[in-house]
Amino acid sequence: MIFTGIEILFFMLGVLSTLGIYTIIHYNKKIKFNAAAWVSICLGFFLLIFAIAWSFSSILEGEPRASSMGMVVFGMPSIILLVLGRRLALKKPKTKVPKTN
């Protein structure tokens, strides 16, 4: 049986999705994400998977310009959202210092 490009793409997207979800859950157990970090990380991860799928499917269809534009339009915001989510997850909550008179 010979695998075509689209079959390999879907297999690799499944592997990347599984590894990404496992990694997010693993880091959530260590750090305990807040709601803003969850939203940012999940949206960034979804956009990253979408950008990879868009890019490879465009290359398979013979449209390299659509592939590169997809990485710019979807890949760059995904990286920004993932970095923002990481910063939000590592941010320490402010503690209130009691006032003494």
PDB file of N, CA and C in Angstrom:
ATOM      1  N   MET A   1       0.842  -1.174   0.000  1.00  0.00           N
ATOM      2  CA  MET A   1       0.000   0.000   0.000  1.00  0.00           C
ATOM      3  C   MET A   1       0.890   1.241   0.000  1.00  0.00           C
ATOM      4  N   ILE A   2       0.585   2.148  -0.884  1.00  0.00           N
ATOM      5  CA  ILE A   2       1.352   3.383  -1.000  1.00  0.00           C
ATOM      6  C   ILE A   2       0.529   4.511  -0.402  1.00  0.00           C
ATOM      7  N   PHE A   3       1.148   5.255   0.495  1.00  0.00           N
ATOM      8  CA  PHE A   3       0.463   6.380   1.124  1.00  0.00           C
ATOM      9  C   PHE A   3       0.658   7.633   0.293  1.00  0.00           C
ATOM     10  N   THR A   4      -0.409   8.378   0.139  1.00  0.00           N
ATOM     11  CA  THR A   4      -0.316   9.644  -0.573  1.00  0.00           C
ATOM     12  C   THR A   4       0.053  10.744   0.420  1.00  0.00           C
ATOM     13  N   GLY A   5       0.293  11.927  -0.086  1.00  0.00           N
ATOM     14  CA  GLY A   5       0.700  13.035   0.768  1.00  0.00           C
ATOM     15  C   GLY A   5      -0.357  13.425   1.776  1.00  0.00           C
ATOM     16  N   ILE A   6      -1.632  13.392   1.370  1.00  0.00           N
ATOM     17  CA  ILE A   6      -2.695  13.822   2.276  1.00  0.00           C
ATOM     18  C   ILE A   6      -2.881  12.821   3.414  1.00  0.00           C
ATOM     19  N   GLU A   7      -2.659  11.542   3.158  1.00  0.00           N
ATOM     20  CA  GLU A   7      -2.763  10.540   4.224  1.00  0.00           C
ATOM     21  C   GLU A   7      -1.643  10.717   5.247  1.00  0.00           C
ATOM     22  N   ILE A   8      -0.465  11.005   4.769  1.00  0.00           N
ATOM     23  CA  ILE A   8       0.661  11.258   5.676  1.00  0.00           C
ATOM     24  C   ILE A   8       0.408  12.545   6.465  1.00  0.00           C
ATOM     25  N   LEU A   9      -0.172  13.555   5.812  1.00  0.00           N
ATOM     26  CA  LEU A   9      -0.504  14.805   6.493  1.00  0.00           C
ATOM     27  C   LEU A   9      -1.462  14.558   7.649  1.00  0.00           C
ATOM     28  N   PHE A  10      -2.543  13.822   7.410  1.00  0.00           N
ATOM     29  CA  PHE A  10      -3.514  13.568   8.468  1.00  0.00           C
ATOM     30  C   PHE A  10      -2.919  12.721   9.590  1.00  0.00           C
ATOM     31  N   PHE A  11      -2.065  11.777   9.246  1.00  0.00           N
ATOM     32  CA  PHE A  11      -1.410  10.984  10.283  1.00  0.00           C
ATOM     33  C   PHE A  11      -0.519  11.859  11.156  1.00  0.00           C
ATOM     34  N   MET A  12       0.272  12.721  10.533  1.00  0.00           N
ATOM     35  CA  MET A  12       1.165  13.595  11.291  1.00  0.00           C
ATOM     36  C   MET A  12       0.386  14.628  12.106  1.00  0.00           C
ATOM     37  N   LEU A  13      -0.734  15.109  11.577  1.00  0.00           N
ATOM     38  CA  LEU A  13      -1.564  16.035  12.357  1.00  0.00           C
ATOM     39  C   LEU A  13      -2.144  15.346  13.580  1.00  0.00           C
ATOM     40  N   GLY A  14      -2.502  14.081  13.448  1.00  0.00           N
ATOM     41  CA  GLY A  14      -2.981  13.320  14.602  1.00  0.00           C
ATOM     42  C   GLY A  14      -1.897  13.142  15.649  1.00  0.00           C
ATOM     43  N   VAL A  15      -0.687  12.846  15.199  1.00  0.00           N
ATOM     44  CA  VAL A  15       0.435  12.685  16.132  1.00  0.00           C
ATOM     45  C   VAL A  15       0.740  14.012  16.821  1.00  0.00           C
ATOM     46  N   LEU A  16       0.804  15.109  16.052  1.00  0.00           N
ATOM     47  CA  LEU A  16       1.078  16.426  16.637  1.00  0.00           C
ATOM     48  C   LEU A  16      -0.023  16.858  17.599  1.00  0.00           C
ATOM     49  N   SER A  17      -1.276  16.584  17.263  1.00  0.00           N
ATOM     50  CA  SER A  17      -2.380  16.939  18.148  1.00  0.00           C
ATOM     51  C   SER A  17      -2.301  16.171  19.457  1.00  0.00           C
ATOM     52  N   THR A  18      -2.023  14.888  19.369  1.00  0.00           N
ATOM     53  CA  THR A  18      -1.921  14.071  20.573  1.00  0.00           C
ATOM     54  C   THR A  18      -0.771  14.536  21.457  1.00  0.00           C
ATOM     55  N   LEU A  19       0.390  14.768  20.865  1.00  0.00           N
ATOM     56  CA  LEU A  19       1.536  15.240  21.648  1.00  0.00           C
ATOM     57  C   LEU A  19       1.277  16.631  22.243  1.00  0.00           C
ATOM     58  N   GLY A  20       0.639  17.505  21.486  1.00  0.00           N
ATOM     59  CA  GLY A  20       0.353  18.842  21.977  1.00  0.00           C
ATOM     60  C   GLY A  20      -0.636  18.837  23.134  1.00  0.00           C
ATOM     61  N   ILE A  21      -1.699  18.056  23.033  1.00  0.00           N
ATOM     62  CA  ILE A  21      -2.685  17.980  24.114  1.00  0.00           C
ATOM     63  C   ILE A  21      -2.056  17.361  25.354  1.00  0.00           C
ATOM     64  N   TYR A  22      -1.249  16.325  25.163  1.00  0.00           N
ATOM     65  CA  TYR A  22      -0.563  15.717  26.310  1.00  0.00           C
ATOM     66  C   TYR A  22       0.374  16.719  26.985  1.00  0.00           C
ATOM     67  N   THR A  23       1.098  17.498  26.187  1.00  0.00           N
ATOM     68  CA  THR A  23       2.023  18.486  26.736  1.00  0.00           C
ATOM     69  C   THR A  23       1.279  19.582  27.498  1.00  0.00           C
ATOM     70  N   ILE A  24       0.165  20.048  26.955  1.00  0.00           N
ATOM     71  CA  ILE A  24      -0.616  21.079  27.635  1.00  0.00           C
ATOM     72  C   ILE A  24      -1.139  20.557  28.972  1.00  0.00           C
ATOM     73  N   ILE A  25      -1.660  19.346  28.991  1.00  0.00           N
ATOM     74  CA  ILE A  25      -2.175  18.768  30.236  1.00  0.00           C
ATOM     75  C   ILE A  25      -1.046  18.535  31.230  1.00  0.00           C
ATOM     76  N   HIS A  26       0.106  18.088  30.742  1.00  0.00           N
ATOM     77  CA  HIS A  26       1.256  17.850  31.626  1.00  0.00           C
ATOM     78  C   HIS A  26       1.709  19.142  32.300  1.00  0.00           C
ATOM     79  N   TYR A  27       1.819  20.229  31.529  1.00  0.00           N
ATOM     80  CA  TYR A  27       2.238  21.505  32.112  1.00  0.00           C
ATOM     81  C   TYR A  27       1.156  22.109  33.001  1.00  0.00           C
ATOM     82  N   ASN A  28      -0.109  21.808  32.710  1.00  0.00           N
ATOM     83  CA  ASN A  28      -1.173  22.301  33.587  1.00  0.00           C
ATOM     84  C   ASN A  28      -1.081  21.649  34.966  1.00  0.00           C
ATOM     85  N   LYS A  29      -0.675  20.398  35.031  1.00  0.00           N
ATOM     86  CA  LYS A  29      -0.506  19.737  36.322  1.00  0.00           C
ATOM     87  C   LYS A  29       0.635  20.360  37.123  1.00  0.00           C
ATOM     88  N   LYS A  30       1.673  20.821  36.432  1.00  0.00           N
ATOM     89  CA  LYS A  30       2.811  21.440  37.119  1.00  0.00           C
ATOM     90  C   LYS A  30       2.528  22.883  37.526  1.00  0.00           C
ATOM     91  N   ILE A  31       1.946  23.668  36.627  1.00  0.00           N
ATOM     92  CA  ILE A  31       1.857  25.107  36.817  1.00  0.00           C
ATOM     93  C   ILE A  31       0.468  25.571  37.272  1.00  0.00           C
ATOM     94  N   LYS A  32      -0.589  24.875  36.907  1.00  0.00           N
ATOM     95  CA  LYS A  32      -1.978  25.279  37.164  1.00  0.00           C
ATOM     96  C   LYS A  32      -2.320  26.573  36.424  1.00  0.00           C
ATOM     97  N   PHE A  33      -2.711  26.421  35.168  1.00  0.00           N
ATOM     98  CA  PHE A  33      -3.056  27.560  34.321  1.00  0.00           C
ATOM     99  C   PHE A  33      -4.303  28.262  34.837  1.00  0.00           C
ATOM    100  N   ASN A  34      -4.357  29.574  34.645  1.00  0.00           N
ATOM    101  CA  ASN A  34      -5.590  30.305  34.899  1.00  0.00           C
ATOM    102  C   ASN A  34      -6.405  30.321  33.604  1.00  0.00           C
ATOM    103  N   ALA A  35      -7.586  30.938  33.646  1.00  0.00           N
ATOM    104  CA  ALA A  35      -8.488  30.907  32.489  1.00  0.00           C
ATOM    105  C   ALA A  35      -7.889  31.604  31.271  1.00  0.00           C
ATOM    106  N   ALA A  36      -7.238  32.737  31.482  1.00  0.00           N
ATOM    107  CA  ALA A  36      -6.657  33.472  30.354  1.00  0.00           C
ATOM    108  C   ALA A  36      -5.539  32.666  29.694  1.00  0.00           C
ATOM    109  N   ALA A  37      -4.747  31.974  30.501  1.00  0.00           N
ATOM    110  CA  ALA A  37      -3.675  31.152  29.945  1.00  0.00           C
ATOM    111  C   ALA A  37      -4.255  29.976  29.162  1.00  0.00           C
ATOM    112  N   TRP A  38      -5.317  29.372  29.687  1.00  0.00           N
ATOM    113  CA  TRP A  38      -5.967  28.264  28.972  1.00  0.00           C
ATOM    114  C   TRP A  38      -6.460  28.711  27.605  1.00  0.00           C
ATOM    115  N   VAL A  39      -7.153  29.813  27.567  1.00  0.00           N
ATOM    116  CA  VAL A  39      -7.717  30.302  26.305  1.00  0.00           C
ATOM    117  C   VAL A  39      -6.602  30.620  25.316  1.00  0.00           C
ATOM    118  N   SER A  40      -5.587  31.311  25.772  1.00  0.00           N
ATOM    119  CA  SER A  40      -4.492  31.702  24.891  1.00  0.00           C
ATOM    120  C   SER A  40      -3.721  30.484  24.372  1.00  0.00           C
ATOM    121  N   ILE A  41      -3.421  29.546  25.240  1.00  0.00           N
ATOM    122  CA  ILE A  41      -2.654  28.368  24.830  1.00  0.00           C
ATOM    123  C   ILE A  41      -3.467  27.481  23.892  1.00  0.00           C
ATOM    124  N   CYS A  42      -4.731  27.251  24.216  1.00  0.00           N
ATOM    125  CA  CYS A  42      -5.553  26.385  23.357  1.00  0.00           C
ATOM    126  C   CYS A  42      -5.799  27.013  21.990  1.00  0.00           C
ATOM    127  N   LEU A  43      -6.071  28.323  21.962  1.00  0.00           N
ATOM    128  CA  LEU A  43      -6.273  28.997  20.686  1.00  0.00           C
ATOM    129  C   LEU A  43      -4.989  29.037  19.867  1.00  0.00           C
ATOM    130  N   GLY A  44      -3.859  29.277  20.531  1.00  0.00           N
ATOM    131  CA  GLY A  44      -2.577  29.271  19.835  1.00  0.00           C
ATOM    132  C   GLY A  44      -2.228  27.903  19.285  1.00  0.00           C
ATOM    133  N   PHE A  45      -2.521  26.857  20.057  1.00  0.00           N
ATOM    134  CA  PHE A  45      -2.248  25.492  19.595  1.00  0.00           C
ATOM    135  C   PHE A  45      -3.131  25.132  18.410  1.00  0.00           C
ATOM    136  N   PHE A  46      -4.427  25.494  18.478  1.00  0.00           N
ATOM    137  CA  PHE A  46      -5.326  25.229  17.365  1.00  0.00           C
ATOM    138  C   PHE A  46      -4.860  25.952  16.101  1.00  0.00           C
ATOM    139  N   LEU A  47      -4.466  27.220  16.236  1.00  0.00           N
ATOM    140  CA  LEU A  47      -3.981  27.966  15.075  1.00  0.00           C
ATOM    141  C   LEU A  47      -2.693  27.380  14.511  1.00  0.00           C
ATOM    142  N   LEU A  48      -1.820  26.865  15.379  1.00  0.00           N
ATOM    143  CA  LEU A  48      -0.579  26.261  14.907  1.00  0.00           C
ATOM    144  C   LEU A  48      -0.865  24.998  14.088  1.00  0.00           C
ATOM    145  N   ILE A  49      -1.749  24.159  14.587  1.00  0.00           N
ATOM    146  CA  ILE A  49      -2.126  22.951  13.841  1.00  0.00           C
ATOM    147  C   ILE A  49      -2.796  23.336  12.520  1.00  0.00           C
ATOM    148  N   PHE A  50      -3.659  24.356  12.561  1.00  0.00           N
ATOM    149  CA  PHE A  50      -4.320  24.812  11.348  1.00  0.00           C
ATOM    150  C   PHE A  50      -3.317  25.361  10.343  1.00  0.00           C
ATOM    151  N   ALA A  51      -2.321  26.104  10.814  1.00  0.00           N
ATOM    152  CA  ALA A  51      -1.305  26.672   9.920  1.00  0.00           C
ATOM    153  C   ALA A  51      -0.486  25.563   9.261  1.00  0.00           C
ATOM    154  N   ILE A  52      -0.140  24.531  10.022  1.00  0.00           N
ATOM    155  CA  ILE A  52       0.615  23.411   9.453  1.00  0.00           C
ATOM    156  C   ILE A  52      -0.228  22.693   8.413  1.00  0.00           C
ATOM    157  N   ALA A  53      -1.503  22.440   8.730  1.00  0.00           N
ATOM    158  CA  ALA A  53      -2.384  21.758   7.770  1.00  0.00           C
ATOM    159  C   ALA A  53      -2.578  22.594   6.511  1.00  0.00           C
ATOM    160  N   TRP A  54      -2.778  23.895   6.693  1.00  0.00           N
ATOM    161  CA  TRP A  54      -2.955  24.798   5.550  1.00  0.00           C
ATOM    162  C   TRP A  54      -1.709  24.794   4.662  1.00  0.00           C
ATOM    163  N   SER A  55      -0.552  24.883   5.290  1.00  0.00           N
ATOM    164  CA  SER A  55       0.691  24.962   4.542  1.00  0.00           C
ATOM    165  C   SER A  55       0.948  23.692   3.736  1.00  0.00           C
ATOM    166  N   PHE A  56       0.835  22.544   4.384  1.00  0.00           N
ATOM    167  CA  PHE A  56       1.116  21.294   3.677  1.00  0.00           C
ATOM    168  C   PHE A  56       0.078  20.995   2.603  1.00  0.00           C
ATOM    169  N   SER A  57      -1.193  21.296   2.877  1.00  0.00           N
ATOM    170  CA  SER A  57      -2.194  21.035   1.839  1.00  0.00           C
ATOM    171  C   SER A  57      -2.015  21.979   0.655  1.00  0.00           C
ATOM    172  N   SER A  58      -1.582  23.202   0.906  1.00  0.00           N
ATOM    173  CA  SER A  58      -1.315  24.129  -0.200  1.00  0.00           C
ATOM    174  C   SER A  58      -0.130  23.668  -1.035  1.00  0.00           C
ATOM    175  N   ILE A  59       0.896  23.147  -0.373  1.00  0.00           N
ATOM    176  CA  ILE A  59       2.048  22.618  -1.117  1.00  0.00           C
ATOM    177  C   ILE A  59       1.640  21.412  -1.951  1.00  0.00           C
ATOM    178  N   LEU A  60       0.820  20.536  -1.367  1.00  0.00           N
ATOM    179  CA  LEU A  60       0.366  19.355  -2.112  1.00  0.00           C
ATOM    180  C   LEU A  60      -0.494  19.734  -3.310  1.00  0.00           C
ATOM    181  N   GLU A  61      -1.210  20.854  -3.229  1.00  0.00           N
ATOM    182  CA  GLU A  61      -2.020  21.313  -4.348  1.00  0.00           C
ATOM    183  C   GLU A  61      -1.216  22.131  -5.352  1.00  0.00           C
ATOM    184  N   GLY A  62       0.047  22.415  -5.051  1.00  0.00           N
ATOM    185  CA  GLY A  62       0.899  23.152  -5.980  1.00  0.00           C
ATOM    186  C   GLY A  62       0.774  24.662  -5.865  1.00  0.00           C
ATOM    187  N   GLU A  63       0.437  25.154  -4.692  1.00  0.00           N
ATOM    188  CA  GLU A  63       0.297  26.590  -4.459  1.00  0.00           C
ATOM    189  C   GLU A  63       1.270  27.039  -3.365  1.00  0.00           C
ATOM    190  N   PRO A  64       2.552  27.241  -3.698  1.00  0.00           N
ATOM    191  CA  PRO A  64       3.514  27.617  -2.653  1.00  0.00           C
ATOM    192  C   PRO A  64       3.274  29.006  -2.062  1.00  0.00           C
ATOM    193  N   ARG A  65       2.702  29.922  -2.832  1.00  0.00           N
ATOM    194  CA  ARG A  65       2.438  31.257  -2.298  1.00  0.00           C
ATOM    195  C   ARG A  65       1.332  31.208  -1.232  1.00  0.00           C
ATOM    196  N   ALA A  66       0.309  30.392  -1.453  1.00  0.00           N
ATOM    197  CA  ALA A  66      -0.748  30.238  -0.454  1.00  0.00           C
ATOM    198  C   ALA A  66      -0.189  29.585   0.808  1.00  0.00           C
ATOM    199  N   SER A  67       0.772  28.699   0.630  1.00  0.00           N
ATOM    200  CA  SER A  67       1.403  28.051   1.778  1.00  0.00           C
ATOM    201  C   SER A  67       2.160  29.054   2.633  1.00  0.00           C
ATOM    202  N   SER A  68       2.957  29.886   2.003  1.00  0.00           N
ATOM    203  CA  SER A  68       3.729  30.858   2.768  1.00  0.00           C
ATOM    204  C   SER A  68       2.835  31.922   3.391  1.00  0.00           C
ATOM    205  N   MET A  69       1.805  32.339   2.699  1.00  0.00           N
ATOM    206  CA  MET A  69       0.881  33.318   3.277  1.00  0.00           C
ATOM    207  C   MET A  69       0.091  32.714   4.428  1.00  0.00           C
ATOM    208  N   GLY A  70      -0.232  31.427   4.340  1.00  0.00           N
ATOM    209  CA  GLY A  70      -0.915  30.759   5.444  1.00  0.00           C
ATOM    210  C   GLY A  70      -0.048  30.707   6.692  1.00  0.00           C
ATOM    211  N   MET A  71       1.251  30.494   6.496  1.00  0.00           N
ATOM    212  CA  MET A  71       2.146  30.477   7.656  1.00  0.00           C
ATOM    213  C   MET A  71       2.266  31.870   8.268  1.00  0.00           C
ATOM    214  N   VAL A  72       2.221  32.906   7.439  1.00  0.00           N
ATOM    215  CA  VAL A  72       2.292  34.271   7.971  1.00  0.00           C
ATOM    216  C   VAL A  72       0.987  34.635   8.680  1.00  0.00           C
ATOM    217  N   VAL A  73      -0.140  34.351   8.032  1.00  0.00           N
ATOM    218  CA  VAL A  73      -1.432  34.773   8.564  1.00  0.00           C
ATOM    219  C   VAL A  73      -1.867  33.932   9.763  1.00  0.00           C
ATOM    220  N   PHE A  74      -1.595  32.624   9.741  1.00  0.00           N
ATOM    221  CA  PHE A  74      -2.032  31.757  10.834  1.00  0.00           C
ATOM    222  C   PHE A  74      -0.896  31.351  11.771  1.00  0.00           C
ATOM    223  N   GLY A  75       0.309  31.218  11.249  1.00  0.00           N
ATOM    224  CA  GLY A  75       1.427  30.752  12.063  1.00  0.00           C
ATOM    225  C   GLY A  75       1.965  31.801  13.018  1.00  0.00           C
ATOM    226  N   MET A  76       2.101  33.030  12.546  1.00  0.00           N
ATOM    227  CA  MET A  76       2.628  34.092  13.405  1.00  0.00           C
ATOM    228  C   MET A  76       1.702  34.390  14.588  1.00  0.00           C
ATOM    229  N   PRO A  77       0.383  34.544  14.374  1.00  0.00           N
ATOM    230  CA  PRO A  77      -0.486  34.761  15.537  1.00  0.00           C
ATOM    231  C   PRO A  77      -0.502  33.580  16.506  1.00  0.00           C
ATOM    232  N   SER A  78      -0.333  32.364  15.982  1.00  0.00           N
ATOM    233  CA  SER A  78      -0.314  31.210  16.881  1.00  0.00           C
ATOM    234  C   SER A  78       0.906  31.253  17.790  1.00  0.00           C
ATOM    235  N   ILE A  79       2.036  31.642  17.251  1.00  0.00           N
ATOM    236  CA  ILE A  79       3.243  31.744  18.076  1.00  0.00           C
ATOM    237  C   ILE A  79       3.086  32.862  19.104  1.00  0.00           C
ATOM    238  N   ILE A  80       2.495  33.977  18.696  1.00  0.00           N
ATOM    239  CA  ILE A  80       2.265  35.079  19.633  1.00  0.00           C
ATOM    240  C   ILE A  80       1.326  34.645  20.752  1.00  0.00           C
ATOM    241  N   LEU A  81       0.247  33.944  20.411  1.00  0.00           N
ATOM    242  CA  LEU A  81      -0.695  33.479  21.430  1.00  0.00           C
ATOM    243  C   LEU A  81      -0.061  32.447  22.358  1.00  0.00           C
ATOM    244  N   LEU A  82       0.778  31.565  21.823  1.00  0.00           N
ATOM    245  CA  LEU A  82       1.436  30.578  22.676  1.00  0.00           C
ATOM    246  C   LEU A  82       2.416  31.237  23.643  1.00  0.00           C
ATOM    247  N   VAL A  83       3.154  32.229  23.169  1.00  0.00           N
ATOM    248  CA  VAL A  83       4.088  32.943  24.055  1.00  0.00           C
ATOM    249  C   VAL A  83       3.310  33.736  25.106  1.00  0.00           C
ATOM    250  N   LEU A  84       2.219  34.382  24.699  1.00  0.00           N
ATOM    251  CA  LEU A  84       1.391  35.114  25.651  1.00  0.00           C
ATOM    252  C   LEU A  84       0.797  34.167  26.701  1.00  0.00           C
ATOM    253  N   GLY A  85       0.328  33.008  26.262  1.00  0.00           N
ATOM    254  CA  GLY A  85      -0.215  32.029  27.202  1.00  0.00           C
ATOM    255  C   GLY A  85       0.829  31.526  28.174  1.00  0.00           C
ATOM    256  N   ARG A  86       2.042  31.353  27.700  1.00  0.00           N
ATOM    257  CA  ARG A  86       3.134  30.922  28.589  1.00  0.00           C
ATOM    258  C   ARG A  86       3.425  31.985  29.638  1.00  0.00           C
ATOM    259  N   ARG A  87       3.457  33.239  29.198  1.00  0.00           N
ATOM    260  CA  ARG A  87       3.713  34.323  30.154  1.00  0.00           C
ATOM    261  C   ARG A  87       2.589  34.440  31.174  1.00  0.00           C
ATOM    262  N   LEU A  88       1.353  34.257  30.722  1.00  0.00           N
ATOM    263  CA  LEU A  88       0.224  34.308  31.649  1.00  0.00           C
ATOM    264  C   LEU A  88       0.245  33.133  32.622  1.00  0.00           C
ATOM    265  N   ALA A  89       0.697  31.980  32.152  1.00  0.00           N
ATOM    266  CA  ALA A  89       0.745  30.801  33.017  1.00  0.00           C
ATOM    267  C   ALA A  89       1.846  30.921  34.065  1.00  0.00           C
ATOM    268  N   LEU A  90       2.959  31.541  33.711  1.00  0.00           N
ATOM    269  CA  LEU A  90       4.074  31.662  34.644  1.00  0.00           C
ATOM    270  C   LEU A  90       3.969  32.891  35.539  1.00  0.00           C
ATOM    271  N   LYS A  91       2.985  33.755  35.280  1.00  0.00           N
ATOM    272  CA  LYS A  91       2.821  34.970  36.068  1.00  0.00           C
ATOM    273  C   LYS A  91       2.366  34.607  37.485  1.00  0.00           C
ATOM    274  N   LYS A  92       3.059  35.155  38.439  1.00  0.00           N
ATOM    275  CA  LYS A  92       2.729  34.890  39.840  1.00  0.00           C
ATOM    276  C   LYS A  92       1.591  35.815  40.279  1.00  0.00           C
ATOM    277  N   PRO A  93       0.621  35.282  41.014  1.00  0.00           N
ATOM    278  CA  PRO A  93      -0.451  36.160  41.496  1.00  0.00           C
ATOM    279  C   PRO A  93       0.073  37.126  42.549  1.00  0.00           C
ATOM    280  N   LYS A  94      -0.468  38.330  42.534  1.00  0.00           N
ATOM    281  CA  LYS A  94      -0.035  39.349  43.489  1.00  0.00           C
ATOM    282  C   LYS A  94      -0.602  39.017  44.868  1.00  0.00           C
ATOM    283  N   THR A  95       0.243  39.142  45.874  1.00  0.00           N
ATOM    284  CA  THR A  95      -0.211  38.920  47.236  1.00  0.00           C
ATOM    285  C   THR A  95      -0.412  40.259  47.916  1.00  0.00           C
ATOM    286  N   LYS A  96      -1.442  40.339  48.706  1.00  0.00           N
ATOM    287  CA  LYS A  96      -1.721  41.591  49.412  1.00  0.00           C
ATOM    288  C   LYS A  96      -0.893  41.647  50.685  1.00  0.00           C
ATOM    289  N   VAL A  97      -0.259  42.780  50.871  1.00  0.00           N
ATOM    290  CA  VAL A  97       0.551  43.000  52.084  1.00  0.00           C
ATOM    291  C   VAL A  97      -0.315  43.782  53.070  1.00  0.00           C
ATOM    292  N   PRO A  98      -0.506  43.255  54.263  1.00  0.00           N
ATOM    293  CA  PRO A  98      -1.355  43.990  55.240  1.00  0.00           C
ATOM    294  C   PRO A  98      -0.670  45.269  55.689  1.00  0.00           C
ATOM    295  N   LYS A  99      -1.474  46.298  55.841  1.00  0.00           N
ATOM    296  CA  LYS A  99      -0.952  47.588  56.279  1.00  0.00           C
ATOM    297  C   LYS A  99      -0.835  47.602  57.809  1.00  0.00           C
ATOM    298  N   THR A 100       0.246  48.150  58.283  1.00  0.00           N
ATOM    299  CA  THR A 100       0.423  48.294  59.732  1.00  0.00           C
ATOM    300  C   THR A 100       0.464  49.785  60.060  1.00  0.00           C
ATOM    301  N   ASN A 101      -0.238  50.176  61.085  1.00  0.00           N
ATOM    302  CA  ASN A 101      -0.259  51.593  61.495  1.00  0.00           C
ATOM    303  C   ASN A 101       0.556  51.814  62.713  1.00  0.00           C
TER     304      ASN A 101
END
